[in-house]
Every structure is written in structure tokens, then in C-alpha cells.
N, C-alpha and C. Protein backbone atom coordinates (compact mmCIF):
# COMPACT_ATOMS: atom_id res chain seq x y z
N MET A 1 -175.92 77.64 -142.93
CA MET A 1 -175.69 79.12 -142.63
C MET A 1 -174.67 79.70 -143.56
N TYR A 2 -173.42 79.11 -143.64
CA TYR A 2 -172.30 79.51 -144.41
C TYR A 2 -172.68 79.70 -146.01
N ARG A 3 -173.49 78.55 -146.43
CA ARG A 3 -173.83 78.82 -147.82
C ARG A 3 -174.76 79.78 -148.01
N LEU A 4 -175.68 80.04 -147.07
CA LEU A 4 -176.42 81.31 -147.13
C LEU A 4 -175.72 82.62 -147.41
N LEU A 5 -174.72 82.73 -146.44
CA LEU A 5 -173.80 83.76 -146.49
C LEU A 5 -173.15 84.05 -147.89
N ARG A 6 -172.63 82.83 -148.22
CA ARG A 6 -172.10 82.84 -149.64
C ARG A 6 -172.94 83.36 -150.65
N LEU A 7 -174.24 83.05 -150.75
CA LEU A 7 -175.09 83.48 -151.68
C LEU A 7 -175.51 84.87 -151.60
N LEU A 8 -175.52 85.25 -150.30
CA LEU A 8 -175.91 86.90 -150.08
C LEU A 8 -174.92 87.63 -150.31
N PHE A 9 -173.62 87.34 -149.97
CA PHE A 9 -172.39 88.30 -149.84
C PHE A 9 -171.13 87.94 -150.72
N GLY A 10 -171.22 86.62 -151.13
CA GLY A 10 -169.95 86.10 -151.68
C GLY A 10 -169.53 86.69 -153.00
N ARG A 11 -168.30 86.85 -153.36
CA ARG A 11 -167.76 87.45 -154.47
C ARG A 11 -166.56 86.61 -154.70
N HIS A 12 -165.71 87.06 -155.61
CA HIS A 12 -164.29 86.53 -155.74
C HIS A 12 -163.51 86.44 -154.51
N ALA A 13 -162.64 85.28 -154.38
CA ALA A 13 -161.96 85.33 -153.07
C ALA A 13 -160.77 86.29 -153.21
N VAL A 14 -160.56 86.83 -152.03
CA VAL A 14 -159.30 87.70 -151.62
C VAL A 14 -158.40 87.07 -150.60
N ASN A 15 -157.11 87.43 -150.79
CA ASN A 15 -156.16 86.88 -149.85
C ASN A 15 -156.20 87.73 -148.55
N GLU A 16 -156.15 87.01 -147.41
CA GLU A 16 -155.93 87.97 -146.21
C GLU A 16 -154.96 87.19 -145.32
N SER A 17 -154.35 87.89 -144.25
CA SER A 17 -153.48 87.38 -143.56
C SER A 17 -153.74 87.93 -141.86
N VAL A 18 -153.39 87.05 -141.00
CA VAL A 18 -153.53 87.69 -139.55
C VAL A 18 -152.48 87.15 -138.93
N ALA A 19 -151.85 87.75 -138.05
CA ALA A 19 -150.64 87.47 -137.25
C ALA A 19 -150.85 88.08 -135.80
N THR A 20 -150.52 87.10 -134.75
CA THR A 20 -150.54 87.45 -133.44
C THR A 20 -149.28 87.02 -132.76
N GLN A 21 -148.92 87.95 -131.76
CA GLN A 21 -147.56 87.76 -131.21
C GLN A 21 -147.69 87.58 -129.63
N ALA A 22 -146.96 86.79 -129.14
CA ALA A 22 -146.87 86.40 -127.51
C ALA A 22 -145.59 86.26 -127.24
N ARG A 23 -145.17 86.61 -126.01
CA ARG A 23 -144.01 86.46 -125.01
C ARG A 23 -144.12 85.32 -124.23
N PHE A 24 -143.05 84.49 -124.20
CA PHE A 24 -142.96 83.44 -123.19
C PHE A 24 -141.60 83.58 -122.28
N ASP A 25 -141.91 83.14 -121.20
CA ASP A 25 -140.72 83.09 -120.22
C ASP A 25 -139.98 81.76 -120.34
N ALA A 26 -139.48 81.44 -121.41
CA ALA A 26 -138.88 80.20 -121.80
C ALA A 26 -137.87 80.47 -123.18
N CYS A 27 -136.92 79.64 -123.15
CA CYS A 27 -136.09 79.66 -124.20
C CYS A 27 -136.81 79.20 -125.36
N PRO A 28 -136.25 79.68 -126.78
CA PRO A 28 -136.85 79.13 -127.94
C PRO A 28 -137.00 77.41 -128.05
N GLU A 29 -135.97 76.91 -127.59
CA GLU A 29 -135.99 75.47 -127.69
C GLU A 29 -137.16 74.83 -126.89
N ALA A 30 -137.40 75.39 -125.65
CA ALA A 30 -138.38 74.85 -124.77
C ALA A 30 -139.74 75.17 -125.52
N VAL A 31 -139.94 76.34 -125.97
CA VAL A 31 -141.16 76.77 -126.73
C VAL A 31 -141.33 75.92 -127.89
N TRP A 32 -140.25 75.60 -128.74
CA TRP A 32 -140.35 74.58 -129.94
C TRP A 32 -141.01 73.32 -129.39
N ASN A 33 -140.45 72.84 -128.27
CA ASN A 33 -140.85 71.33 -127.87
C ASN A 33 -142.33 71.38 -127.48
N GLN A 34 -142.94 72.45 -127.21
CA GLN A 34 -144.42 72.50 -126.82
C GLN A 34 -145.34 73.11 -127.94
N MET A 35 -144.75 73.39 -128.96
CA MET A 35 -145.58 73.89 -130.18
C MET A 35 -146.76 72.99 -130.41
N LYS A 36 -147.97 73.51 -130.54
CA LYS A 36 -149.20 72.91 -130.89
C LYS A 36 -150.01 73.49 -131.99
N PHE A 37 -150.58 72.59 -132.75
CA PHE A 37 -151.69 72.93 -133.69
C PHE A 37 -152.90 73.13 -132.81
N TYR A 38 -153.78 74.05 -133.44
CA TYR A 38 -155.04 74.17 -132.78
C TYR A 38 -155.84 72.77 -132.57
N GLU A 39 -155.61 71.86 -133.27
CA GLU A 39 -156.38 70.53 -132.98
C GLU A 39 -155.72 69.78 -131.83
N GLU A 40 -154.55 70.26 -131.46
CA GLU A 40 -153.78 69.42 -130.37
C GLU A 40 -153.95 70.09 -128.97
N VAL A 41 -154.58 71.27 -128.93
CA VAL A 41 -154.58 72.09 -127.63
C VAL A 41 -155.88 71.31 -126.82
N PRO A 42 -155.42 70.89 -125.67
CA PRO A 42 -156.36 70.30 -124.79
C PRO A 42 -157.37 71.21 -124.12
N GLY A 43 -158.39 70.59 -123.74
CA GLY A 43 -159.61 71.38 -123.21
C GLY A 43 -160.50 71.88 -124.38
N ARG A 44 -161.59 72.39 -123.91
CA ARG A 44 -162.72 73.00 -124.75
C ARG A 44 -162.23 74.37 -125.40
N PRO A 45 -162.47 74.62 -126.72
CA PRO A 45 -162.15 75.79 -127.35
C PRO A 45 -163.16 76.86 -126.65
N PRO A 46 -162.99 78.26 -126.69
CA PRO A 46 -163.72 79.08 -126.34
C PRO A 46 -165.09 79.19 -127.04
N TRP A 47 -166.12 79.68 -126.48
CA TRP A 47 -167.46 79.76 -127.14
C TRP A 47 -167.26 80.31 -128.73
N LEU A 48 -166.59 81.27 -128.71
CA LEU A 48 -166.66 81.99 -130.16
C LEU A 48 -166.13 81.07 -131.04
N LEU A 49 -165.09 80.15 -130.79
CA LEU A 49 -164.65 79.28 -131.77
C LEU A 49 -165.54 78.11 -131.93
N ARG A 50 -166.16 77.71 -130.91
CA ARG A 50 -167.19 76.65 -131.06
C ARG A 50 -168.44 76.87 -131.85
N ARG A 51 -168.74 78.39 -131.77
CA ARG A 51 -169.85 78.88 -132.61
C ARG A 51 -169.59 78.77 -133.90
N PHE A 52 -168.32 79.08 -134.48
CA PHE A 52 -168.19 79.19 -135.87
C PHE A 52 -167.44 78.05 -136.51
N LEU A 53 -166.68 77.29 -135.54
CA LEU A 53 -166.00 75.95 -136.18
C LEU A 53 -166.40 74.64 -135.50
N PRO A 54 -166.16 73.65 -136.36
CA PRO A 54 -166.55 72.47 -135.85
C PRO A 54 -165.44 72.06 -134.70
N SER A 55 -165.70 71.32 -133.69
CA SER A 55 -164.72 71.02 -132.64
C SER A 55 -163.68 70.19 -133.09
N PRO A 56 -162.28 70.48 -132.85
CA PRO A 56 -161.20 69.70 -133.18
C PRO A 56 -161.18 68.44 -132.27
N VAL A 57 -160.70 67.45 -132.97
CA VAL A 57 -160.66 65.98 -132.25
C VAL A 57 -159.21 65.56 -132.10
N ARG A 58 -158.62 65.51 -132.98
CA ARG A 58 -157.14 64.83 -132.75
C ARG A 58 -156.26 65.25 -134.14
N THR A 59 -155.01 65.05 -134.00
CA THR A 59 -154.12 65.16 -135.26
C THR A 59 -153.47 63.66 -135.44
N GLU A 60 -152.99 63.41 -136.66
CA GLU A 60 -152.27 62.28 -136.93
C GLU A 60 -151.12 62.70 -137.78
N GLY A 61 -149.95 62.45 -137.62
CA GLY A 61 -148.89 62.81 -138.58
C GLY A 61 -147.58 63.45 -137.77
N ASP A 62 -146.73 63.59 -138.57
CA ASP A 62 -145.43 64.14 -138.08
C ASP A 62 -145.16 65.60 -138.43
N LYS A 63 -145.43 66.72 -137.57
CA LYS A 63 -145.20 68.06 -137.96
C LYS A 63 -143.67 68.42 -137.88
N GLY A 64 -142.83 67.35 -137.65
CA GLY A 64 -141.36 67.81 -137.55
C GLY A 64 -140.65 67.44 -138.66
N THR A 65 -141.22 67.15 -139.93
CA THR A 65 -140.53 66.64 -141.01
C THR A 65 -141.09 67.43 -142.34
N VAL A 66 -140.25 68.11 -142.99
CA VAL A 66 -140.62 68.68 -144.25
C VAL A 66 -141.38 67.74 -145.26
N GLY A 67 -142.49 68.00 -145.71
CA GLY A 67 -143.11 67.31 -146.75
C GLY A 67 -144.28 66.26 -146.09
N SER A 68 -144.24 66.21 -144.89
CA SER A 68 -145.04 65.20 -144.24
C SER A 68 -146.48 65.83 -144.05
N ILE A 69 -147.58 64.93 -144.13
CA ILE A 69 -148.99 65.37 -144.08
C ILE A 69 -149.54 65.08 -142.64
N VAL A 70 -150.11 66.13 -142.01
CA VAL A 70 -150.63 66.19 -140.77
C VAL A 70 -152.26 66.02 -140.97
N HIS A 71 -152.92 65.05 -140.59
CA HIS A 71 -154.41 64.94 -140.68
C HIS A 71 -154.95 65.63 -139.40
N CYS A 72 -155.69 66.50 -139.60
CA CYS A 72 -156.50 67.07 -138.38
C CYS A 72 -157.93 66.88 -138.42
N ALA A 73 -158.38 65.96 -137.53
CA ALA A 73 -159.71 65.58 -137.50
C ALA A 73 -160.73 66.40 -136.70
N TYR A 74 -161.89 66.80 -137.18
CA TYR A 74 -162.81 67.39 -136.37
C TYR A 74 -164.22 66.70 -136.23
N SER A 75 -165.13 67.25 -135.31
CA SER A 75 -166.29 66.52 -135.05
C SER A 75 -167.08 66.36 -136.33
N SER A 76 -166.98 67.39 -137.23
CA SER A 76 -167.70 67.25 -138.43
C SER A 76 -166.75 67.82 -139.57
N GLY A 77 -165.68 67.12 -139.99
CA GLY A 77 -164.87 67.40 -141.02
C GLY A 77 -163.48 67.20 -140.93
N GLU A 78 -162.45 67.57 -141.65
CA GLU A 78 -161.13 67.43 -141.54
C GLU A 78 -160.36 68.39 -142.41
N LEU A 79 -159.09 68.44 -142.07
CA LEU A 79 -158.18 69.32 -142.50
C LEU A 79 -156.84 68.61 -142.82
N PHE A 80 -156.12 68.71 -143.74
CA PHE A 80 -154.91 68.18 -144.02
C PHE A 80 -153.82 69.38 -144.36
N LYS A 81 -152.72 69.20 -143.52
CA LYS A 81 -151.64 70.17 -143.56
C LYS A 81 -150.43 69.50 -144.04
N ARG A 82 -149.59 70.09 -145.07
CA ARG A 82 -148.41 69.70 -145.55
C ARG A 82 -147.32 70.66 -144.83
N ILE A 83 -146.34 70.09 -144.07
CA ILE A 83 -145.24 70.76 -143.65
C ILE A 83 -144.32 71.26 -144.69
N THR A 84 -144.17 72.49 -144.61
CA THR A 84 -143.28 73.20 -145.61
C THR A 84 -141.94 73.73 -145.27
N THR A 85 -141.92 73.90 -143.90
CA THR A 85 -140.60 74.70 -143.40
C THR A 85 -140.40 73.98 -141.96
N VAL A 86 -139.34 73.57 -141.61
CA VAL A 86 -138.88 73.07 -140.38
C VAL A 86 -137.49 73.58 -140.10
N ASP A 87 -137.41 74.79 -139.29
CA ASP A 87 -136.05 75.34 -138.90
C ASP A 87 -136.01 75.48 -137.46
N GLU A 88 -135.85 74.31 -136.85
CA GLU A 88 -135.69 74.33 -135.40
C GLU A 88 -134.71 75.18 -134.77
N PRO A 89 -134.85 75.90 -133.83
CA PRO A 89 -136.16 76.07 -133.12
C PRO A 89 -136.91 77.52 -133.45
N ARG A 90 -136.69 77.93 -134.87
CA ARG A 90 -136.97 79.24 -135.30
C ARG A 90 -138.40 79.23 -136.16
N MET A 91 -138.60 78.46 -136.93
CA MET A 91 -139.74 78.47 -137.75
C MET A 91 -140.25 77.06 -138.20
N LEU A 92 -141.69 77.17 -138.16
CA LEU A 92 -142.53 75.88 -138.71
C LEU A 92 -143.46 76.45 -139.50
N GLY A 93 -143.58 75.98 -140.68
CA GLY A 93 -144.51 76.48 -141.69
C GLY A 93 -145.30 75.21 -142.44
N PHE A 94 -146.46 75.49 -142.79
CA PHE A 94 -147.37 74.55 -143.30
C PHE A 94 -148.25 75.05 -144.47
N GLU A 95 -148.65 74.40 -145.29
CA GLU A 95 -149.73 74.71 -146.30
C GLU A 95 -150.98 73.72 -146.14
N VAL A 96 -152.29 74.27 -146.27
CA VAL A 96 -153.35 73.39 -146.14
C VAL A 96 -153.68 72.94 -147.52
N VAL A 97 -153.51 71.46 -147.63
CA VAL A 97 -153.77 70.88 -148.93
C VAL A 97 -155.30 70.48 -149.27
N ARG A 98 -155.94 70.40 -148.24
CA ARG A 98 -157.35 70.06 -148.13
C ARG A 98 -158.14 70.60 -146.94
N GLN A 99 -159.12 71.03 -147.08
CA GLN A 99 -160.03 71.69 -146.10
C GLN A 99 -161.59 71.15 -146.36
N GLN A 100 -162.13 70.57 -145.39
CA GLN A 100 -163.63 70.24 -145.31
C GLN A 100 -164.16 70.30 -144.10
N LEU A 101 -164.52 71.71 -143.69
CA LEU A 101 -165.09 71.91 -142.47
C LEU A 101 -166.46 72.64 -142.54
N GLY A 102 -166.84 72.71 -143.77
CA GLY A 102 -168.26 73.27 -144.02
C GLY A 102 -168.37 74.87 -144.02
N ILE A 103 -167.08 75.39 -144.11
CA ILE A 103 -167.07 76.84 -144.12
C ILE A 103 -166.42 77.42 -145.47
N GLU A 104 -166.18 76.51 -146.45
CA GLU A 104 -165.31 76.69 -147.49
C GLU A 104 -165.91 77.72 -148.51
N ASP A 105 -167.34 77.88 -148.46
CA ASP A 105 -167.93 78.96 -149.21
C ASP A 105 -167.72 80.18 -148.77
N CYS A 106 -167.12 80.55 -147.46
CA CYS A 106 -166.85 81.82 -146.91
C CYS A 106 -165.40 81.95 -146.58
N ILE A 107 -164.61 80.93 -146.22
CA ILE A 107 -163.23 80.96 -145.75
C ILE A 107 -162.51 79.64 -146.27
N LEU A 108 -161.46 79.79 -146.94
CA LEU A 108 -160.49 78.72 -147.07
C LEU A 108 -159.03 78.97 -146.61
N THR A 109 -158.62 78.24 -145.68
CA THR A 109 -157.21 78.38 -145.12
C THR A 109 -156.38 77.89 -146.10
N ARG A 110 -155.26 78.74 -146.30
CA ARG A 110 -154.38 78.34 -147.28
C ARG A 110 -152.90 77.95 -146.54
N SER A 111 -152.54 78.69 -145.64
CA SER A 111 -151.14 78.10 -144.80
C SER A 111 -151.10 78.89 -143.64
N GLY A 112 -150.11 78.58 -142.85
CA GLY A 112 -149.66 79.10 -141.51
C GLY A 112 -148.35 78.92 -141.17
N SER A 113 -147.98 79.69 -140.22
CA SER A 113 -146.48 79.43 -139.68
C SER A 113 -146.51 79.91 -138.16
N TYR A 114 -145.30 79.37 -137.51
CA TYR A 114 -144.97 79.68 -136.25
C TYR A 114 -143.58 80.22 -136.30
N ARG A 115 -143.33 81.42 -135.92
CA ARG A 115 -141.96 82.06 -135.87
C ARG A 115 -141.62 82.18 -134.61
N ILE A 116 -140.49 81.67 -134.12
CA ILE A 116 -139.98 81.82 -132.61
C ILE A 116 -138.63 82.56 -132.64
N SER A 117 -138.46 83.52 -131.84
CA SER A 117 -137.23 84.39 -131.74
C SER A 117 -136.88 84.50 -130.14
N GLY A 118 -135.55 84.47 -129.81
CA GLY A 118 -135.17 84.59 -128.61
C GLY A 118 -135.22 86.13 -128.09
N HIS A 119 -135.66 86.44 -126.86
CA HIS A 119 -135.50 87.81 -126.31
C HIS A 119 -135.10 87.76 -124.86
N GLY A 120 -133.88 87.90 -124.65
CA GLY A 120 -133.15 87.79 -123.35
C GLY A 120 -133.40 86.51 -122.90
N SER A 121 -133.93 86.19 -121.86
CA SER A 121 -134.00 84.80 -121.37
C SER A 121 -135.33 84.14 -121.79
N GLY A 122 -136.07 84.96 -122.40
CA GLY A 122 -137.36 84.35 -122.96
C GLY A 122 -137.56 84.28 -124.53
N ALA A 123 -138.75 84.04 -124.99
CA ALA A 123 -138.86 84.00 -126.37
C ALA A 123 -140.13 84.66 -126.80
N SER A 124 -140.28 85.08 -128.20
CA SER A 124 -141.47 85.62 -128.69
C SER A 124 -141.85 84.56 -129.78
N VAL A 125 -143.28 84.38 -129.91
CA VAL A 125 -143.92 83.58 -130.99
C VAL A 125 -144.82 84.40 -131.73
N VAL A 126 -144.64 84.31 -133.09
CA VAL A 126 -145.59 85.04 -133.87
C VAL A 126 -146.29 83.92 -134.61
N LEU A 127 -147.65 83.88 -134.61
CA LEU A 127 -148.52 82.98 -135.19
C LEU A 127 -149.18 83.60 -136.38
N THR A 128 -149.07 83.10 -137.68
CA THR A 128 -149.75 83.68 -138.72
C THR A 128 -150.64 82.74 -139.56
N THR A 129 -151.75 82.98 -139.85
CA THR A 129 -152.65 82.34 -140.54
C THR A 129 -153.09 83.17 -141.94
N ASN A 130 -152.80 82.50 -143.06
CA ASN A 130 -152.98 83.03 -144.40
C ASN A 130 -154.37 82.15 -144.99
N TYR A 131 -155.35 83.04 -145.50
CA TYR A 131 -156.69 82.51 -146.02
C TYR A 131 -157.08 83.22 -147.01
N GLN A 132 -158.01 82.71 -147.65
CA GLN A 132 -158.94 83.23 -148.80
C GLN A 132 -160.24 83.45 -148.32
N ALA A 133 -160.82 84.65 -148.36
CA ALA A 133 -162.13 85.02 -148.01
C ALA A 133 -162.96 85.61 -149.04
N ARG A 134 -164.32 85.16 -148.99
CA ARG A 134 -165.21 85.62 -149.88
C ARG A 134 -166.34 86.55 -149.65
N LEU A 135 -166.50 86.78 -148.20
CA LEU A 135 -167.72 87.52 -147.84
C LEU A 135 -167.58 89.00 -147.99
N ARG A 136 -168.52 89.68 -148.25
CA ARG A 136 -168.57 91.05 -148.71
C ARG A 136 -169.68 91.84 -147.79
N PRO A 137 -169.45 93.04 -147.32
CA PRO A 137 -168.40 93.81 -147.45
C PRO A 137 -167.28 93.59 -146.88
N ARG A 138 -166.05 93.72 -147.34
CA ARG A 138 -164.73 93.26 -146.97
C ARG A 138 -164.37 94.14 -145.56
N ARG A 139 -164.75 95.29 -145.65
CA ARG A 139 -164.54 96.09 -144.44
C ARG A 139 -165.12 95.55 -143.14
N LEU A 140 -166.44 95.20 -143.30
CA LEU A 140 -167.03 94.40 -142.13
C LEU A 140 -166.68 92.98 -141.99
N TRP A 141 -166.53 92.18 -142.80
CA TRP A 141 -166.02 90.84 -142.66
C TRP A 141 -164.48 90.61 -142.27
N ARG A 142 -163.78 91.50 -142.91
CA ARG A 142 -162.40 91.39 -142.37
C ARG A 142 -162.20 91.66 -140.88
N ALA A 143 -163.10 92.66 -140.30
CA ALA A 143 -162.81 92.75 -138.75
C ALA A 143 -163.31 91.50 -138.01
N VAL A 144 -164.52 90.89 -138.54
CA VAL A 144 -165.01 89.78 -137.88
C VAL A 144 -163.92 88.59 -138.02
N GLU A 145 -163.42 88.42 -139.21
CA GLU A 145 -162.40 87.32 -139.46
C GLU A 145 -161.16 87.50 -138.56
N LYS A 146 -160.84 88.70 -138.43
CA LYS A 146 -159.59 88.94 -137.77
C LYS A 146 -159.86 88.48 -136.16
N ILE A 147 -161.02 89.11 -135.73
CA ILE A 147 -161.41 88.77 -134.31
C ILE A 147 -161.37 87.24 -134.13
N LEU A 148 -162.01 86.42 -135.02
CA LEU A 148 -161.95 84.93 -134.89
C LEU A 148 -160.53 84.38 -134.96
N ALA A 149 -159.77 84.81 -135.94
CA ALA A 149 -158.39 84.22 -136.15
C ALA A 149 -157.55 84.65 -134.77
N ARG A 150 -157.60 85.82 -134.35
CA ARG A 150 -156.70 86.16 -133.06
C ARG A 150 -157.30 85.41 -132.00
N ARG A 151 -158.66 84.98 -131.90
CA ARG A 151 -158.93 84.34 -130.60
C ARG A 151 -158.61 82.73 -130.84
N LEU A 152 -158.44 82.28 -132.06
CA LEU A 152 -157.83 81.12 -132.31
C LEU A 152 -156.44 81.05 -131.99
N HIS A 153 -155.64 82.08 -132.32
CA HIS A 153 -154.31 82.08 -132.16
C HIS A 153 -154.05 82.21 -130.51
N ARG A 154 -154.79 82.94 -129.79
CA ARG A 154 -154.63 83.07 -128.38
C ARG A 154 -155.04 81.72 -127.69
N HIS A 155 -155.82 80.94 -128.36
CA HIS A 155 -156.21 79.62 -127.66
C HIS A 155 -154.91 78.78 -127.88
N ILE A 156 -154.41 78.63 -129.00
CA ILE A 156 -153.15 78.01 -129.37
C ILE A 156 -152.11 78.40 -128.47
N LEU A 157 -151.76 79.63 -128.43
CA LEU A 157 -150.55 80.27 -127.50
C LEU A 157 -150.85 79.82 -126.05
N GLY A 158 -152.16 79.86 -125.74
CA GLY A 158 -152.53 79.54 -124.26
C GLY A 158 -152.34 78.18 -123.85
N GLY A 159 -152.54 77.36 -125.05
CA GLY A 159 -152.21 75.94 -124.85
C GLY A 159 -150.73 75.64 -124.75
N MET A 160 -149.85 76.31 -125.62
CA MET A 160 -148.44 76.30 -125.49
C MET A 160 -148.03 76.65 -124.07
N ARG A 161 -148.55 77.72 -123.63
CA ARG A 161 -148.13 78.42 -122.34
C ARG A 161 -148.37 77.44 -121.14
N ALA A 162 -149.65 76.63 -121.08
CA ALA A 162 -149.95 75.88 -120.22
C ALA A 162 -149.01 74.60 -120.23
N ALA A 163 -148.66 74.15 -121.43
CA ALA A 163 -147.82 72.94 -121.51
C ALA A 163 -146.45 73.24 -121.07
N LEU A 164 -145.84 74.38 -121.24
CA LEU A 164 -144.67 74.89 -120.74
C LEU A 164 -144.59 74.87 -119.21
N SER A 165 -145.74 75.54 -118.78
CA SER A 165 -145.70 75.60 -117.27
C SER A 165 -145.81 74.18 -116.73
N ALA A 166 -146.61 73.10 -117.39
CA ALA A 166 -146.57 71.73 -116.80
C ALA A 166 -145.34 71.15 -116.92
N ALA A 167 -144.51 71.29 -117.98
CA ALA A 167 -143.30 70.74 -118.20
C ALA A 167 -142.19 71.31 -117.17
N ALA A 168 -142.38 72.60 -116.91
CA ALA A 168 -141.59 73.16 -115.87
C ALA A 168 -141.79 72.55 -114.35
N ALA A 169 -143.08 72.39 -114.19
CA ALA A 169 -143.48 71.84 -112.86
C ALA A 169 -142.92 70.48 -112.67
N ASP A 170 -143.02 69.57 -113.75
CA ASP A 170 -142.55 68.32 -113.74
C ASP A 170 -141.20 68.21 -113.48
N ALA A 171 -140.40 69.15 -114.11
CA ALA A 171 -139.00 69.17 -114.09
C ALA A 171 -138.46 69.46 -112.55
N ARG A 172 -139.20 70.58 -112.06
CA ARG A 172 -139.05 70.89 -110.63
C ARG A 172 -139.35 69.74 -109.42
N SER A 173 -140.31 68.85 -109.84
CA SER A 173 -140.65 67.96 -108.84
C SER A 173 -140.10 66.65 -108.98
N ALA A 174 -139.39 66.44 -110.32
CA ALA A 174 -138.74 65.11 -110.57
C ALA A 174 -137.35 65.12 -109.45
N PRO A 175 -137.30 64.02 -108.77
CA PRO A 175 -136.04 63.81 -107.93
C PRO A 175 -134.92 63.76 -108.63
N ALA A 176 -133.74 64.31 -108.13
CA ALA A 176 -132.62 64.36 -108.81
C ALA A 176 -131.92 62.91 -108.61
N ARG A 177 -131.51 62.37 -109.89
CA ARG A 177 -131.06 61.08 -109.85
C ARG A 177 -129.67 61.00 -109.38
N ARG A 178 -129.38 60.16 -108.42
CA ARG A 178 -128.13 60.06 -107.66
C ARG A 178 -127.28 59.12 -108.34
N LEU A 179 -126.01 59.42 -108.63
CA LEU A 179 -125.13 58.66 -109.25
C LEU A 179 -124.44 57.66 -108.20
N THR A 180 -124.41 56.39 -108.66
CA THR A 180 -123.66 55.50 -107.74
C THR A 180 -122.48 55.06 -108.61
N PRO A 181 -121.55 54.23 -108.03
CA PRO A 181 -120.44 53.64 -108.76
C PRO A 181 -120.95 52.84 -110.02
N GLU A 182 -122.07 52.20 -109.90
CA GLU A 182 -122.66 51.25 -110.85
C GLU A 182 -123.21 52.13 -111.97
N THR A 183 -123.79 53.23 -111.67
CA THR A 183 -124.58 54.09 -112.84
C THR A 183 -123.71 55.30 -113.18
N ALA A 184 -122.71 55.55 -112.54
CA ALA A 184 -121.78 56.70 -113.02
C ALA A 184 -121.16 56.49 -114.19
N PRO A 185 -121.06 57.48 -115.29
CA PRO A 185 -120.41 57.21 -116.55
C PRO A 185 -118.94 57.12 -116.37
N SER A 186 -118.30 56.35 -117.29
CA SER A 186 -116.70 56.22 -117.37
C SER A 186 -116.25 57.59 -117.39
N GLY A 187 -115.07 57.90 -116.81
CA GLY A 187 -114.38 59.15 -116.88
C GLY A 187 -114.73 60.19 -115.87
N GLY A 188 -115.81 59.84 -115.06
CA GLY A 188 -116.40 60.67 -114.01
C GLY A 188 -117.03 61.90 -114.40
N LEU A 189 -117.72 61.99 -115.68
CA LEU A 189 -118.47 63.08 -116.08
C LEU A 189 -119.87 62.68 -116.11
N ALA A 190 -120.82 63.42 -115.50
CA ALA A 190 -122.32 63.08 -115.57
C ALA A 190 -122.82 63.47 -116.87
N CYS A 191 -123.76 62.33 -117.44
CA CYS A 191 -124.26 62.53 -118.74
C CYS A 191 -125.62 63.19 -118.48
N THR A 192 -126.05 64.21 -119.36
CA THR A 192 -127.29 64.69 -119.44
C THR A 192 -128.15 64.04 -120.51
N PRO A 193 -129.08 63.41 -120.21
CA PRO A 193 -129.95 62.70 -121.43
C PRO A 193 -130.26 63.92 -122.51
N SER A 194 -130.11 63.64 -123.76
CA SER A 194 -130.68 64.56 -124.69
C SER A 194 -132.16 64.48 -124.94
N ARG A 195 -132.87 65.51 -125.13
CA ARG A 195 -134.21 65.51 -125.24
C ARG A 195 -134.55 65.78 -126.75
N SER A 196 -135.59 65.29 -127.20
CA SER A 196 -136.05 65.52 -128.47
C SER A 196 -136.55 67.04 -128.75
N HIS A 197 -136.13 67.67 -129.87
CA HIS A 197 -136.54 69.00 -129.99
C HIS A 197 -137.66 69.04 -131.12
N SER A 198 -138.03 68.03 -131.55
CA SER A 198 -139.12 67.92 -132.63
C SER A 198 -140.47 68.27 -132.13
N PRO A 199 -141.20 69.24 -132.56
CA PRO A 199 -142.49 69.64 -132.11
C PRO A 199 -143.34 68.42 -132.01
N ARG A 200 -144.38 68.45 -131.07
CA ARG A 200 -145.30 67.41 -130.84
C ARG A 200 -146.68 67.81 -131.15
């Protein structure tokens, strides 16, 4: 289908960008800890995404280190992302170094980013996807592409929101550890274990 569309409407590629913003009732550090790529969001993607994209399966690689490669596996295809920016807890950027999803004659993803900023007691996240598009007329296809990209962004942000809620529920249900003379730290100060802030 995509190859037919390319033959009917394709021309030279043009650069496009779509950004979606969402607010979270959590601090930037907590949002950073629950950051997810599309391929990491649990559950079935919405119908619209399943209709136009192969189903994501898993990711392999470290997205917390600049220069690392993250392999994103799909039911029919794969994507390789190179991490370009890690500014915890404010910015994560990546570029797509290889895309094989069967839609390359129509759309080729180039890069993306997650920008996190604090707002009072909460945080704001802006997801951005940059891609090259070939389908014409651009006025029509740009609108279709933006609908798909924003739906994908909302799916990712919804997965992050669910992960934050689950983490908060776990923290509320965890019993408080009682310090005994044997477990109390020297000097009488209670120690708080540090948690990792690298995105998973």
C-alpha cells in the first residue's frame, strides 16, 4: 500500500516536525524516571496506530547515555535510535540512524526529543518528532501525518502517566522501614537510598 501511494503521489522529501505537550502532577525527576519510547509503552497501541504502523515489540539498549544505540523491534521491521542528548532531567534527544518499517517510501523518521520543565509542583513534557515526508498534496497529507504523530505522542505520554501513577501507588503501599539499633546508621541520621534517574 505504501509503495503504491509513493508511486501515485510521491515527490522529493520535505522536512516536517510535530510537537505535543502534556502536564504531569509530578516533579521533573519523577517524570524523567518514567520516560518511555513508543516501543516500551505496555499494552496494545490504539487502532489508528495499529492500522498504519507495525506493532512494537521491545527495545534493547541504554537510552541514558549519549552515543548509545537503542534497537527498537517491531512485529515486522526495526528501528535504530542513537542517543544524541542526555540532560537529566530536562532533555533527551535521539536521531534515527536506520528505519525499516515498510513505510520508508512515504515517511522517514529523522529524530525526536523529550523536553521536561518544572511548573510549580508539576512538570510539562514536550514530545517532538522530526521526519521526512514524500506524499503529495502536502496540505492534505501533512494534516493526516500530524493526526498520526499526535496520536502516537499521546499514547507515549499516556504510558508515562500510567507508570507514574503505578510508581506513586507502590510508594504509598510500601511499609515504612523501621530502624532498629542494628540497622540504624551511625551518627543517628536516617539514610535515604538514592534512586537512579536514568530513563528506562
